[in-house]
Amino acid sequence: MKVNKLFLCFLLSITFVSLSSGYSYTQDRPIQPPSNYDNVFNIYYKNNSLIVKGININGNLKIYSIIGNIILDINVQNLSNVLVPVDLIKQNMYIVRIETSQNRIITRKIVAR
């Protein structure tokens, strides 16, 4: 019985200390799994051309350097099979951002090889 009272006092003291310590506890939102829509785009750089294979949808395609400079900004009528000639510096990383007509944003990193 004495052990139970000590344990109860211990729990109450921990609760009091944690409540008076100034920390606020929040509940995190669950992480949403990526939708299948995000995986339909295959984007790669080959022979000085950016190749995008995806679905038949209109959108805006942008290529950024890794420091955020815009390299290319074009509107595309059909994202199912796009070949964009662009000269990128070899062995550098770039960010390709596609914004579809349904306001979905797909972002991929590519390395020019």
PDB file of N, CA and C in Angstrom:
ATOM      1  N   MET A   1       0.818  -1.190   0.000  1.00  0.00           N
ATOM      2  CA  MET A   1       0.000   0.000   0.000  1.00  0.00           C
ATOM      3  C   MET A   1       0.860   1.251   0.000  1.00  0.00           C
ATOM      4  N   LYS A   2       1.946   1.199   0.805  1.00  0.00           N
ATOM      5  CA  LYS A   2       2.831   2.345   0.881  1.00  0.00           C
ATOM      6  C   LYS A   2       3.523   2.582  -0.463  1.00  0.00           C
ATOM      7  N   VAL A   3       3.843   1.490  -1.172  1.00  0.00           N
ATOM      8  CA  VAL A   3       4.487   1.600  -2.481  1.00  0.00           C
ATOM      9  C   VAL A   3       3.538   2.247  -3.480  1.00  0.00           C
ATOM     10  N   ASN A   4       2.262   1.891  -3.430  1.00  0.00           N
ATOM     11  CA  ASN A   4       1.274   2.475  -4.331  1.00  0.00           C
ATOM     12  C   ASN A   4       1.132   3.973  -4.100  1.00  0.00           C
ATOM     13  N   LYS A   5       1.150   4.389  -2.825  1.00  0.00           N
ATOM     14  CA  LYS A   5       1.054   5.817  -2.515  1.00  0.00           C
ATOM     15  C   LYS A   5       2.287   6.561  -3.004  1.00  0.00           C
ATOM     16  N   LEU A   6       3.462   5.953  -2.839  1.00  0.00           N
ATOM     17  CA  LEU A   6       4.686   6.584  -3.332  1.00  0.00           C
ATOM     18  C   LEU A   6       4.663   6.707  -4.853  1.00  0.00           C
ATOM     19  N   PHE A   7       4.204   5.664  -5.504  1.00  0.00           N
ATOM     20  CA  PHE A   7       4.122   5.689  -6.963  1.00  0.00           C
ATOM     21  C   PHE A   7       3.142   6.753  -7.437  1.00  0.00           C
ATOM     22  N   LEU A   8       1.998   6.870  -6.756  1.00  0.00           N
ATOM     23  CA  LEU A   8       1.010   7.880  -7.087  1.00  0.00           C
ATOM     24  C   LEU A   8       1.580   9.277  -6.876  1.00  0.00           C
ATOM     25  N   CYS A   9       2.302   9.493  -5.784  1.00  0.00           N
ATOM     26  CA  CYS A   9       2.947  10.792  -5.540  1.00  0.00           C
ATOM     27  C   CYS A   9       3.976  11.101  -6.618  1.00  0.00           C
ATOM     28  N   PHE A  10       4.710  10.085  -7.030  1.00  0.00           N
ATOM     29  CA  PHE A  10       5.706  10.266  -8.081  1.00  0.00           C
ATOM     30  C   PHE A  10       5.039  10.691  -9.393  1.00  0.00           C
ATOM     31  N   LEU A  11       3.953  10.026  -9.770  1.00  0.00           N
ATOM     32  CA  LEU A  11       3.236  10.376 -10.996  1.00  0.00           C
ATOM     33  C   LEU A  11       2.673  11.788 -10.934  1.00  0.00           C
ATOM     34  N   LEU A  12       2.106  12.154  -9.789  1.00  0.00           N
ATOM     35  CA  LEU A  12       1.558  13.498  -9.640  1.00  0.00           C
ATOM     36  C   LEU A  12       2.650  14.556  -9.713  1.00  0.00           C
ATOM     37  N   SER A  13       3.804  14.278  -9.133  1.00  0.00           N
ATOM     38  CA  SER A  13       4.887  15.263  -9.174  1.00  0.00           C
ATOM     39  C   SER A  13       5.417  15.425 -10.596  1.00  0.00           C
ATOM     40  N   ILE A  14       5.511  14.336 -11.337  1.00  0.00           N
ATOM     41  CA  ILE A  14       5.958  14.436 -12.737  1.00  0.00           C
ATOM     42  C   ILE A  14       4.954  15.234 -13.552  1.00  0.00           C
ATOM     43  N   THR A  15       3.669  14.979 -13.340  1.00  0.00           N
ATOM     44  CA  THR A  15       2.629  15.713 -14.055  1.00  0.00           C
ATOM     45  C   THR A  15       2.694  17.191 -13.718  1.00  0.00           C
ATOM     46  N   PHE A  16       2.859  17.523 -12.440  1.00  0.00           N
ATOM     47  CA  PHE A  16       2.938  18.919 -12.033  1.00  0.00           C
ATOM     48  C   PHE A  16       4.154  19.603 -12.649  1.00  0.00           C
ATOM     49  N   VAL A  17       5.305  18.932 -12.641  1.00  0.00           N
ATOM     50  CA  VAL A  17       6.527  19.512 -13.205  1.00  0.00           C
ATOM     51  C   VAL A  17       6.370  19.725 -14.704  1.00  0.00           C
ATOM     52  N   SER A  18       5.780  18.761 -15.397  1.00  0.00           N
ATOM     53  CA  SER A  18       5.645  18.905 -16.841  1.00  0.00           C
ATOM     54  C   SER A  18       4.642  19.990 -17.196  1.00  0.00           C
ATOM     55  N   LEU A  19       3.594  20.165 -16.379  1.00  0.00           N
ATOM     56  CA  LEU A  19       2.621  21.213 -16.656  1.00  0.00           C
ATOM     57  C   LEU A  19       3.169  22.593 -16.333  1.00  0.00           C
ATOM     58  N   SER A  20       4.039  22.685 -15.346  1.00  0.00           N
ATOM     59  CA  SER A  20       4.559  23.990 -14.954  1.00  0.00           C
ATOM     60  C   SER A  20       5.856  24.344 -15.675  1.00  0.00           C
ATOM     61  N   SER A  21       6.335  23.474 -16.538  1.00  0.00           N
ATOM     62  CA  SER A  21       7.618  23.738 -17.186  1.00  0.00           C
ATOM     63  C   SER A  21       7.507  24.675 -18.377  1.00  0.00           C
ATOM     64  N   GLY A  22       6.301  24.998 -18.819  1.00  0.00           N
ATOM     65  CA  GLY A  22       6.145  25.934 -19.918  1.00  0.00           C
ATOM     66  C   GLY A  22       6.114  25.283 -21.287  1.00  0.00           C
ATOM     67  N   TYR A  23       6.265  23.996 -21.344  1.00  0.00           N
ATOM     68  CA  TYR A  23       6.203  23.318 -22.632  1.00  0.00           C
ATOM     69  C   TYR A  23       4.750  23.131 -23.034  1.00  0.00           C
ATOM     70  N   SER A  24       4.484  23.298 -24.299  1.00  0.00           N
ATOM     71  CA  SER A  24       3.142  22.998 -24.783  1.00  0.00           C
ATOM     72  C   SER A  24       3.227  21.772 -25.680  1.00  0.00           C
ATOM     73  N   TYR A  25       2.315  20.900 -25.504  1.00  0.00           N
ATOM     74  CA  TYR A  25       2.307  19.661 -26.269  1.00  0.00           C
ATOM     75  C   TYR A  25       1.206  19.735 -27.311  1.00  0.00           C
ATOM     76  N   THR A  26       1.539  19.377 -28.534  1.00  0.00           N
ATOM     77  CA  THR A  26       0.547  19.353 -29.594  1.00  0.00           C
ATOM     78  C   THR A  26       0.530  17.974 -30.217  1.00  0.00           C
ATOM     79  N   GLN A  27      -0.562  17.702 -30.841  1.00  0.00           N
ATOM     80  CA  GLN A  27      -0.676  16.419 -31.523  1.00  0.00           C
ATOM     81  C   GLN A  27      -0.315  16.634 -32.986  1.00  0.00           C
ATOM     82  N   ASP A  28       0.611  15.827 -33.490  1.00  0.00           N
ATOM     83  CA  ASP A  28       1.015  15.942 -34.882  1.00  0.00           C
ATOM     84  C   ASP A  28      -0.056  15.362 -35.784  1.00  0.00           C
ATOM     85  N   ARG A  29      -0.138  15.957 -36.987  1.00  0.00           N
ATOM     86  CA  ARG A  29      -1.032  15.410 -37.996  1.00  0.00           C
ATOM     87  C   ARG A  29      -0.359  14.215 -38.649  1.00  0.00           C
ATOM     88  N   PRO A  30      -1.126  13.226 -39.021  1.00  0.00           N
ATOM     89  CA  PRO A  30      -0.504  12.081 -39.692  1.00  0.00           C
ATOM     90  C   PRO A  30       0.039  12.488 -41.054  1.00  0.00           C
ATOM     91  N   ILE A  31       1.131  11.878 -41.438  1.00  0.00           N
ATOM     92  CA  ILE A  31       1.732  12.173 -42.731  1.00  0.00           C
ATOM     93  C   ILE A  31       0.892  11.522 -43.810  1.00  0.00           C
ATOM     94  N   GLN A  32       0.551  12.323 -44.821  1.00  0.00           N
ATOM     95  CA  GLN A  32      -0.242  11.802 -45.921  1.00  0.00           C
ATOM     96  C   GLN A  32       0.661  11.078 -46.906  1.00  0.00           C
ATOM     97  N   PRO A  33       0.308   9.881 -47.314  1.00  0.00           N
ATOM     98  CA  PRO A  33       1.127   9.191 -48.307  1.00  0.00           C
ATOM     99  C   PRO A  33       1.007   9.883 -49.653  1.00  0.00           C
ATOM    100  N   PRO A  34       2.045   9.822 -50.484  1.00  0.00           N
ATOM    101  CA  PRO A  34       1.960  10.468 -51.788  1.00  0.00           C
ATOM    102  C   PRO A  34       0.871   9.815 -52.629  1.00  0.00           C
ATOM    103  N   SER A  35       0.184  10.646 -53.396  1.00  0.00           N
ATOM    104  CA  SER A  35      -0.862  10.096 -54.249  1.00  0.00           C
ATOM    105  C   SER A  35      -0.233   9.450 -55.479  1.00  0.00           C
ATOM    106  N   ASN A  36      -0.984   8.584 -56.101  1.00  0.00           N
ATOM    107  CA  ASN A  36      -0.498   7.943 -57.321  1.00  0.00           C
ATOM    108  C   ASN A  36      -0.291   8.953 -58.435  1.00  0.00           C
ATOM    109  N   TYR A  37      -0.970  10.097 -58.335  1.00  0.00           N
ATOM    110  CA  TYR A  37      -0.837  11.149 -59.339  1.00  0.00           C
ATOM    111  C   TYR A  37       0.600  11.655 -59.400  1.00  0.00           C
ATOM    112  N   ASP A  38       1.275  11.697 -58.266  1.00  0.00           N
ATOM    113  CA  ASP A  38       2.642  12.204 -58.224  1.00  0.00           C
ATOM    114  C   ASP A  38       3.631  11.258 -58.892  1.00  0.00           C
ATOM    115  N   ASN A  39       3.288   9.998 -59.007  1.00  0.00           N
ATOM    116  CA  ASN A  39       4.213   9.016 -59.555  1.00  0.00           C
ATOM    117  C   ASN A  39       4.030   8.759 -61.042  1.00  0.00           C
ATOM    118  N   VAL A  40       3.118   9.466 -61.700  1.00  0.00           N
ATOM    119  CA  VAL A  40       2.876   9.200 -63.115  1.00  0.00           C
ATOM    120  C   VAL A  40       3.861   9.920 -64.022  1.00  0.00           C
ATOM    121  N   PHE A  41       4.650  10.834 -63.490  1.00  0.00           N
ATOM    122  CA  PHE A  41       5.591  11.586 -64.308  1.00  0.00           C
ATOM    123  C   PHE A  41       6.980  10.976 -64.234  1.00  0.00           C
ATOM    124  N   ASN A  42       7.544  10.696 -65.395  1.00  0.00           N
ATOM    125  CA  ASN A  42       8.920  10.227 -65.510  1.00  0.00           C
ATOM    126  C   ASN A  42       9.707  11.368 -66.150  1.00  0.00           C
ATOM    127  N   ILE A  43      10.643  11.940 -65.422  1.00  0.00           N
ATOM    128  CA  ILE A  43      11.384  13.119 -65.880  1.00  0.00           C
ATOM    129  C   ILE A  43      12.865  12.796 -65.855  1.00  0.00           C
ATOM    130  N   TYR A  44      13.531  12.997 -66.988  1.00  0.00           N
ATOM    131  CA  TYR A  44      14.976  12.768 -67.037  1.00  0.00           C
ATOM    132  C   TYR A  44      15.609  13.636 -68.117  1.00  0.00           C
ATOM    133  N   TYR A  45      16.927  13.781 -68.037  1.00  0.00           N
ATOM    134  CA  TYR A  45      17.705  14.609 -68.959  1.00  0.00           C
ATOM    135  C   TYR A  45      18.637  13.696 -69.742  1.00  0.00           C
ATOM    136  N   LYS A  46      18.551  13.784 -71.070  1.00  0.00           N
ATOM    137  CA  LYS A  46      19.365  12.925 -71.922  1.00  0.00           C
ATOM    138  C   LYS A  46      19.617  13.640 -73.246  1.00  0.00           C
ATOM    139  N   ASN A  47      20.860  13.615 -73.710  1.00  0.00           N
ATOM    140  CA  ASN A  47      21.252  14.205 -74.999  1.00  0.00           C
ATOM    141  C   ASN A  47      20.817  15.664 -75.136  1.00  0.00           C
ATOM    142  N   ASN A  48      21.109  16.470 -74.123  1.00  0.00           N
ATOM    143  CA  ASN A  48      20.782  17.899 -74.093  1.00  0.00           C
ATOM    144  C   ASN A  48      19.286  18.181 -74.243  1.00  0.00           C
ATOM    145  N   SER A  49      18.466  17.284 -73.756  1.00  0.00           N
ATOM    146  CA  SER A  49      17.016  17.474 -73.795  1.00  0.00           C
ATOM    147  C   SER A  49      16.406  16.983 -72.492  1.00  0.00           C
ATOM    148  N   LEU A  50      15.412  17.713 -72.032  1.00  0.00           N
ATOM    149  CA  LEU A  50      14.629  17.277 -70.886  1.00  0.00           C
ATOM    150  C   LEU A  50      13.454  16.477 -71.430  1.00  0.00           C
ATOM    151  N   ILE A  51      13.279  15.279 -70.927  1.00  0.00           N
ATOM    152  CA  ILE A  51      12.217  14.399 -71.400  1.00  0.00           C
ATOM    153  C   ILE A  51      11.235  14.186 -70.258  1.00  0.00           C
ATOM    154  N   VAL A  52       9.967  14.470 -70.544  1.00  0.00           N
ATOM    155  CA  VAL A  52       8.900  14.298 -69.563  1.00  0.00           C
ATOM    156  C   VAL A  52       7.879  13.348 -70.165  1.00  0.00           C
ATOM    157  N   LYS A  53       7.608  12.279 -69.456  1.00  0.00           N
ATOM    158  CA  LYS A  53       6.562  11.344 -69.867  1.00  0.00           C
ATOM    159  C   LYS A  53       5.584  11.247 -68.719  1.00  0.00           C
ATOM    160  N   GLY A  54       4.342  11.506 -69.034  1.00  0.00           N
ATOM    161  CA  GLY A  54       3.353  11.508 -67.967  1.00  0.00           C
ATOM    162  C   GLY A  54       1.969  11.253 -68.498  1.00  0.00           C
ATOM    163  N   ILE A  55       1.047  12.133 -68.145  1.00  0.00           N
ATOM    164  CA  ILE A  55      -0.339  11.976 -68.559  1.00  0.00           C
ATOM    165  C   ILE A  55      -0.730  13.122 -69.476  1.00  0.00           C
ATOM    166  N   ASN A  56      -1.797  12.932 -70.207  1.00  0.00           N
ATOM    167  CA  ASN A  56      -2.266  13.927 -71.163  1.00  0.00           C
ATOM    168  C   ASN A  56      -2.973  15.052 -70.416  1.00  0.00           C
ATOM    169  N   ILE A  57      -2.198  16.058 -70.059  1.00  0.00           N
ATOM    170  CA  ILE A  57      -2.725  17.180 -69.291  1.00  0.00           C
ATOM    171  C   ILE A  57      -1.879  18.407 -69.615  1.00  0.00           C
ATOM    172  N   ASN A  58      -2.472  19.574 -69.524  1.00  0.00           N
ATOM    173  CA  ASN A  58      -1.745  20.819 -69.762  1.00  0.00           C
ATOM    174  C   ASN A  58      -1.044  21.251 -68.484  1.00  0.00           C
ATOM    175  N   GLY A  59       0.039  22.026 -68.664  1.00  0.00           N
ATOM    176  CA  GLY A  59       0.736  22.492 -67.475  1.00  0.00           C
ATOM    177  C   GLY A  59       1.859  23.450 -67.795  1.00  0.00           C
ATOM    178  N   ASN A  60       2.503  23.904 -66.746  1.00  0.00           N
ATOM    179  CA  ASN A  60       3.637  24.808 -66.844  1.00  0.00           C
ATOM    180  C   ASN A  60       4.860  24.071 -66.324  1.00  0.00           C
ATOM    181  N   LEU A  61       5.945  24.111 -67.103  1.00  0.00           N
ATOM    182  CA  LEU A  61       7.169  23.406 -66.740  1.00  0.00           C
ATOM    183  C   LEU A  61       8.264  24.427 -66.488  1.00  0.00           C
ATOM    184  N   LYS A  62       8.904  24.320 -65.333  1.00  0.00           N
ATOM    185  CA  LYS A  62      10.005  25.216 -64.988  1.00  0.00           C
ATOM    186  C   LYS A  62      11.206  24.385 -64.574  1.00  0.00           C
ATOM    187  N   ILE A  63      12.386  24.853 -64.970  1.00  0.00           N
ATOM    188  CA  ILE A  63      13.637  24.249 -64.519  1.00  0.00           C
ATOM    189  C   ILE A  63      14.386  25.311 -63.733  1.00  0.00           C
ATOM    190  N   TYR A  64      14.796  24.948 -62.519  1.00  0.00           N
ATOM    191  CA  TYR A  64      15.551  25.843 -61.653  1.00  0.00           C
ATOM    192  C   TYR A  64      16.941  25.265 -61.417  1.00  0.00           C
ATOM    193  N   SER A  65      17.913  26.160 -61.284  1.00  0.00           N
ATOM    194  CA  SER A  65      19.217  25.706 -60.805  1.00  0.00           C
ATOM    195  C   SER A  65      19.074  25.399 -59.322  1.00  0.00           C
ATOM    196  N   ILE A  66      20.059  24.760 -58.758  1.00  0.00           N
ATOM    197  CA  ILE A  66      19.968  24.356 -57.356  1.00  0.00           C
ATOM    198  C   ILE A  66      19.935  25.570 -56.417  1.00  0.00           C
ATOM    199  N   ILE A  67      20.388  26.734 -56.889  1.00  0.00           N
ATOM    200  CA  ILE A  67      20.338  27.946 -56.061  1.00  0.00           C
ATOM    201  C   ILE A  67      19.089  28.779 -56.334  1.00  0.00           C
ATOM    202  N   GLY A  68      18.189  28.282 -57.217  1.00  0.00           N
ATOM    203  CA  GLY A  68      16.903  28.939 -57.407  1.00  0.00           C
ATOM    204  C   GLY A  68      16.768  29.800 -58.635  1.00  0.00           C
ATOM    205  N   ASN A  69      17.788  29.881 -59.481  1.00  0.00           N
ATOM    206  CA  ASN A  69      17.667  30.659 -60.712  1.00  0.00           C
ATOM    207  C   ASN A  69      16.812  29.903 -61.721  1.00  0.00           C
ATOM    208  N   ILE A  70      15.903  30.618 -62.396  1.00  0.00           N
ATOM    209  CA  ILE A  70      15.057  29.978 -63.399  1.00  0.00           C
ATOM    210  C   ILE A  70      15.863  29.790 -64.675  1.00  0.00           C
ATOM    211  N   ILE A  71      15.955  28.542 -65.128  1.00  0.00           N
ATOM    212  CA  ILE A  71      16.654  28.209 -66.361  1.00  0.00           C
ATOM    213  C   ILE A  71      15.675  28.196 -67.524  1.00  0.00           C
ATOM    214  N   LEU A  72      14.468  27.681 -67.295  1.00  0.00           N
ATOM    215  CA  LEU A  72      13.478  27.528 -68.357  1.00  0.00           C
ATOM    216  C   LEU A  72      12.089  27.649 -67.757  1.00  0.00           C
ATOM    217  N   ASP A  73      11.187  28.306 -68.490  1.00  0.00           N
ATOM    218  CA  ASP A  73       9.799  28.445 -68.060  1.00  0.00           C
ATOM    219  C   ASP A  73       8.925  28.366 -69.304  1.00  0.00           C
ATOM    220  N   ILE A  74       8.223  27.248 -69.486  1.00  0.00           N
ATOM    221  CA  ILE A  74       7.386  27.087 -70.678  1.00  0.00           C
ATOM    222  C   ILE A  74       6.029  26.508 -70.289  1.00  0.00           C
ATOM    223  N   ASN A  75       5.024  26.808 -71.111  1.00  0.00           N
ATOM    224  CA  ASN A  75       3.711  26.184 -70.985  1.00  0.00           C
ATOM    225  C   ASN A  75       3.663  25.007 -71.939  1.00  0.00           C
ATOM    226  N   VAL A  76       3.141  23.900 -71.470  1.00  0.00           N
ATOM    227  CA  VAL A  76       3.088  22.682 -72.263  1.00  0.00           C
ATOM    228  C   VAL A  76       1.629  22.261 -72.401  1.00  0.00           C
ATOM    229  N   GLN A  77       1.215  21.943 -73.628  1.00  0.00           N
ATOM    230  CA  GLN A  77      -0.168  21.555 -73.883  1.00  0.00           C
ATOM    231  C   GLN A  77      -0.442  20.096 -73.559  1.00  0.00           C
ATOM    232  N   ASN A  78       0.574  19.252 -73.655  1.00  0.00           N
ATOM    233  CA  ASN A  78       0.364  17.830 -73.420  1.00  0.00           C
ATOM    234  C   ASN A  78       1.591  17.273 -72.711  1.00  0.00           C
ATOM    235  N   LEU A  79       1.450  16.941 -71.458  1.00  0.00           N
ATOM    236  CA  LEU A  79       2.582  16.452 -70.671  1.00  0.00           C
ATOM    237  C   LEU A  79       2.790  14.947 -70.791  1.00  0.00           C
ATOM    238  N   SER A  80       2.114  14.302 -71.739  1.00  0.00           N
ATOM    239  CA  SER A  80       2.264  12.852 -71.851  1.00  0.00           C
ATOM    240  C   SER A  80       3.586  12.459 -72.491  1.00  0.00           C
ATOM    241  N   ASN A  81       4.128  13.305 -73.377  1.00  0.00           N
ATOM    242  CA  ASN A  81       5.415  12.997 -74.007  1.00  0.00           C
ATOM    243  C   ASN A  81       6.043  14.303 -74.483  1.00  0.00           C
ATOM    244  N   VAL A  82       6.898  14.887 -73.660  1.00  0.00           N
ATOM    245  CA  VAL A  82       7.494  16.193 -73.947  1.00  0.00           C
ATOM    246  C   VAL A  82       8.996  16.033 -74.093  1.00  0.00           C
ATOM    247  N   LEU A  83       9.548  16.634 -75.136  1.00  0.00           N
ATOM    248  CA  LEU A  83      10.995  16.672 -75.337  1.00  0.00           C
ATOM    249  C   LEU A  83      11.375  18.144 -75.477  1.00  0.00           C
ATOM    250  N   VAL A  84      12.088  18.675 -74.488  1.00  0.00           N
ATOM    251  CA  VAL A  84      12.451  20.090 -74.462  1.00  0.00           C
ATOM    252  C   VAL A  84      13.956  20.204 -74.625  1.00  0.00           C
ATOM    253  N   PRO A  85      14.422  20.765 -75.756  1.00  0.00           N
ATOM    254  CA  PRO A  85      15.866  20.965 -75.885  1.00  0.00           C
ATOM    255  C   PRO A  85      16.339  22.074 -74.942  1.00  0.00           C
ATOM    256  N   VAL A  86      17.258  21.742 -74.068  1.00  0.00           N
ATOM    257  CA  VAL A  86      17.805  22.713 -73.121  1.00  0.00           C
ATOM    258  C   VAL A  86      19.231  22.293 -72.796  1.00  0.00           C
ATOM    259  N   ASP A  87      20.117  23.259 -72.777  1.00  0.00           N
ATOM    260  CA  ASP A  87      21.526  22.979 -72.517  1.00  0.00           C
ATOM    261  C   ASP A  87      21.811  23.202 -71.035  1.00  0.00           C
ATOM    262  N   LEU A  88      21.985  22.113 -70.310  1.00  0.00           N
ATOM    263  CA  LEU A  88      22.297  22.179 -68.883  1.00  0.00           C
ATOM    264  C   LEU A  88      23.747  21.775 -68.667  1.00  0.00           C
ATOM    265  N   ILE A  89      24.357  22.359 -67.662  1.00  0.00           N
ATOM    266  CA  ILE A  89      25.753  22.053 -67.350  1.00  0.00           C
ATOM    267  C   ILE A  89      25.827  20.650 -66.758  1.00  0.00           C
ATOM    268  N   LYS A  90      26.695  19.842 -67.322  1.00  0.00           N
ATOM    269  CA  LYS A  90      26.825  18.449 -66.893  1.00  0.00           C
ATOM    270  C   LYS A  90      27.243  18.362 -65.425  1.00  0.00           C
ATOM    271  N   GLN A  91      26.765  17.332 -64.765  1.00  0.00           N
ATOM    272  CA  GLN A  91      27.036  17.007 -63.363  1.00  0.00           C
ATOM    273  C   GLN A  91      26.448  18.016 -62.379  1.00  0.00           C
ATOM    274  N   ASN A  92      25.585  18.911 -62.832  1.00  0.00           N
ATOM    275  CA  ASN A  92      24.904  19.831 -61.923  1.00  0.00           C
ATOM    276  C   ASN A  92      23.501  19.320 -61.639  1.00  0.00           C
ATOM    277  N   MET A  93      22.988  19.669 -60.467  1.00  0.00           N
ATOM    278  CA  MET A  93      21.641  19.272 -60.089  1.00  0.00           C
ATOM    279  C   MET A  93      20.678  20.405 -60.405  1.00  0.00           C
ATOM    280  N   TYR A  94      19.495  20.042 -60.878  1.00  0.00           N
ATOM    281  CA  TYR A  94      18.450  20.997 -61.223  1.00  0.00           C
ATOM    282  C   TYR A  94      17.133  20.519 -60.627  1.00  0.00           C
ATOM    283  N   ILE A  95      16.225  21.457 -60.475  1.00  0.00           N
ATOM    284  CA  ILE A  95      14.897  21.145 -59.958  1.00  0.00           C
ATOM    285  C   ILE A  95      13.893  21.404 -61.069  1.00  0.00           C
ATOM    286  N   VAL A  96      13.096  20.391 -61.369  1.00  0.00           N
ATOM    287  CA  VAL A  96      12.045  20.510 -62.377  1.00  0.00           C
ATOM    288  C   VAL A  96      10.722  20.611 -61.634  1.00  0.00           C
ATOM    289  N   ARG A  97       9.967  21.654 -61.958  1.00  0.00           N
ATOM    290  CA  ARG A  97       8.678  21.889 -61.289  1.00  0.00           C
ATOM    291  C   ARG A  97       7.592  21.934 -62.354  1.00  0.00           C
ATOM    292  N   ILE A  98       6.599  21.084 -62.195  1.00  0.00           N
ATOM    293  CA  ILE A  98       5.470  21.052 -63.116  1.00  0.00           C
ATOM    294  C   ILE A  98       4.225  21.440 -62.337  1.00  0.00           C
ATOM    295  N   GLU A  99       3.529  22.462 -62.840  1.00  0.00           N
ATOM    296  CA  GLU A  99       2.244  22.841 -62.263  1.00  0.00           C
ATOM    297  C   GLU A  99       1.182  22.529 -63.305  1.00  0.00           C
ATOM    298  N   THR A 100       0.295  21.616 -62.981  1.00  0.00           N
ATOM    299  CA  THR A 100      -0.708  21.181 -63.943  1.00  0.00           C
ATOM    300  C   THR A 100      -1.879  22.154 -63.985  1.00  0.00           C
ATOM    301  N   SER A 101      -2.740  21.973 -64.970  1.00  0.00           N
ATOM    302  CA  SER A 101      -3.912  22.835 -65.097  1.00  0.00           C
ATOM    303  C   SER A 101      -4.901  22.610 -63.952  1.00  0.00           C
ATOM    304  N   GLN A 102      -4.760  21.512 -63.224  1.00  0.00           N
ATOM    305  CA  GLN A 102      -5.599  21.266 -62.048  1.00  0.00           C
ATOM    306  C   GLN A 102      -4.931  21.752 -60.761  1.00  0.00           C
ATOM    307  N   ASN A 103      -3.917  22.607 -60.890  1.00  0.00           N
ATOM    308  CA  ASN A 103      -3.192  23.204 -59.763  1.00  0.00           C
ATOM    309  C   ASN A 103      -2.478  22.176 -58.894  1.00  0.00           C
ATOM    310  N   ARG A 104      -2.070  21.065 -59.466  1.00  0.00           N
ATOM    311  CA  ARG A 104      -1.216  20.091 -58.784  1.00  0.00           C
ATOM    312  C   ARG A 104       0.223  20.441 -59.104  1.00  0.00           C
ATOM    313  N   ILE A 105       1.110  20.332 -58.139  1.00  0.00           N
ATOM    314  CA  ILE A 105       2.519  20.658 -58.342  1.00  0.00           C
ATOM    315  C   ILE A 105       3.345  19.399 -58.135  1.00  0.00           C
ATOM    316  N   ILE A 106       4.161  19.096 -59.138  1.00  0.00           N
ATOM    317  CA  ILE A 106       5.065  17.952 -59.079  1.00  0.00           C
ATOM    318  C   ILE A 106       6.474  18.505 -59.157  1.00  0.00           C
ATOM    319  N   THR A 107       7.337  18.122 -58.239  1.00  0.00           N
ATOM    320  CA  THR A 107       8.711  18.603 -58.200  1.00  0.00           C
ATOM    321  C   THR A 107       9.648  17.408 -58.209  1.00  0.00           C
ATOM    322  N   ARG A 108      10.646  17.471 -59.090  1.00  0.00           N
ATOM    323  CA  ARG A 108      11.650  16.410 -59.171  1.00  0.00           C
ATOM    324  C   ARG A 108      13.037  17.037 -59.255  1.00  0.00           C
ATOM    325  N   LYS A 109      14.017  16.324 -58.742  1.00  0.00           N
ATOM    326  CA  LYS A 109      15.419  16.723 -58.885  1.00  0.00           C
ATOM    327  C   LYS A 109      16.034  15.876 -59.987  1.00  0.00           C
ATOM    328  N   ILE A 110      16.830  16.519 -60.843  1.00  0.00           N
ATOM    329  CA  ILE A 110      17.539  15.782 -61.883  1.00  0.00           C
ATOM    330  C   ILE A 110      19.004  16.194 -61.860  1.00  0.00           C
ATOM    331  N   VAL A 111      19.854  15.322 -62.343  1.00  0.00           N
ATOM    332  CA  VAL A 111      21.269  15.619 -62.520  1.00  0.00           C
ATOM    333  C   VAL A 111      21.552  15.522 -64.004  1.00  0.00           C
ATOM    334  N   ALA A 112      22.111  16.581 -64.577  1.00  0.00           N
ATOM    335  CA  ALA A 112      22.439  16.582 -66.005  1.00  0.00           C
ATOM    336  C   ALA A 112      23.641  15.679 -66.223  1.00  0.00           C
ATOM    337  N   ARG A 113      23.482  14.684 -67.054  1.00  0.00           N
ATOM    338  CA  ARG A 113      24.573  13.743 -67.359  1.00  0.00           C
ATOM    339  C   ARG A 113      24.839  13.725 -68.837  1.00  0.00           C
TER     340      ARG A 113
END
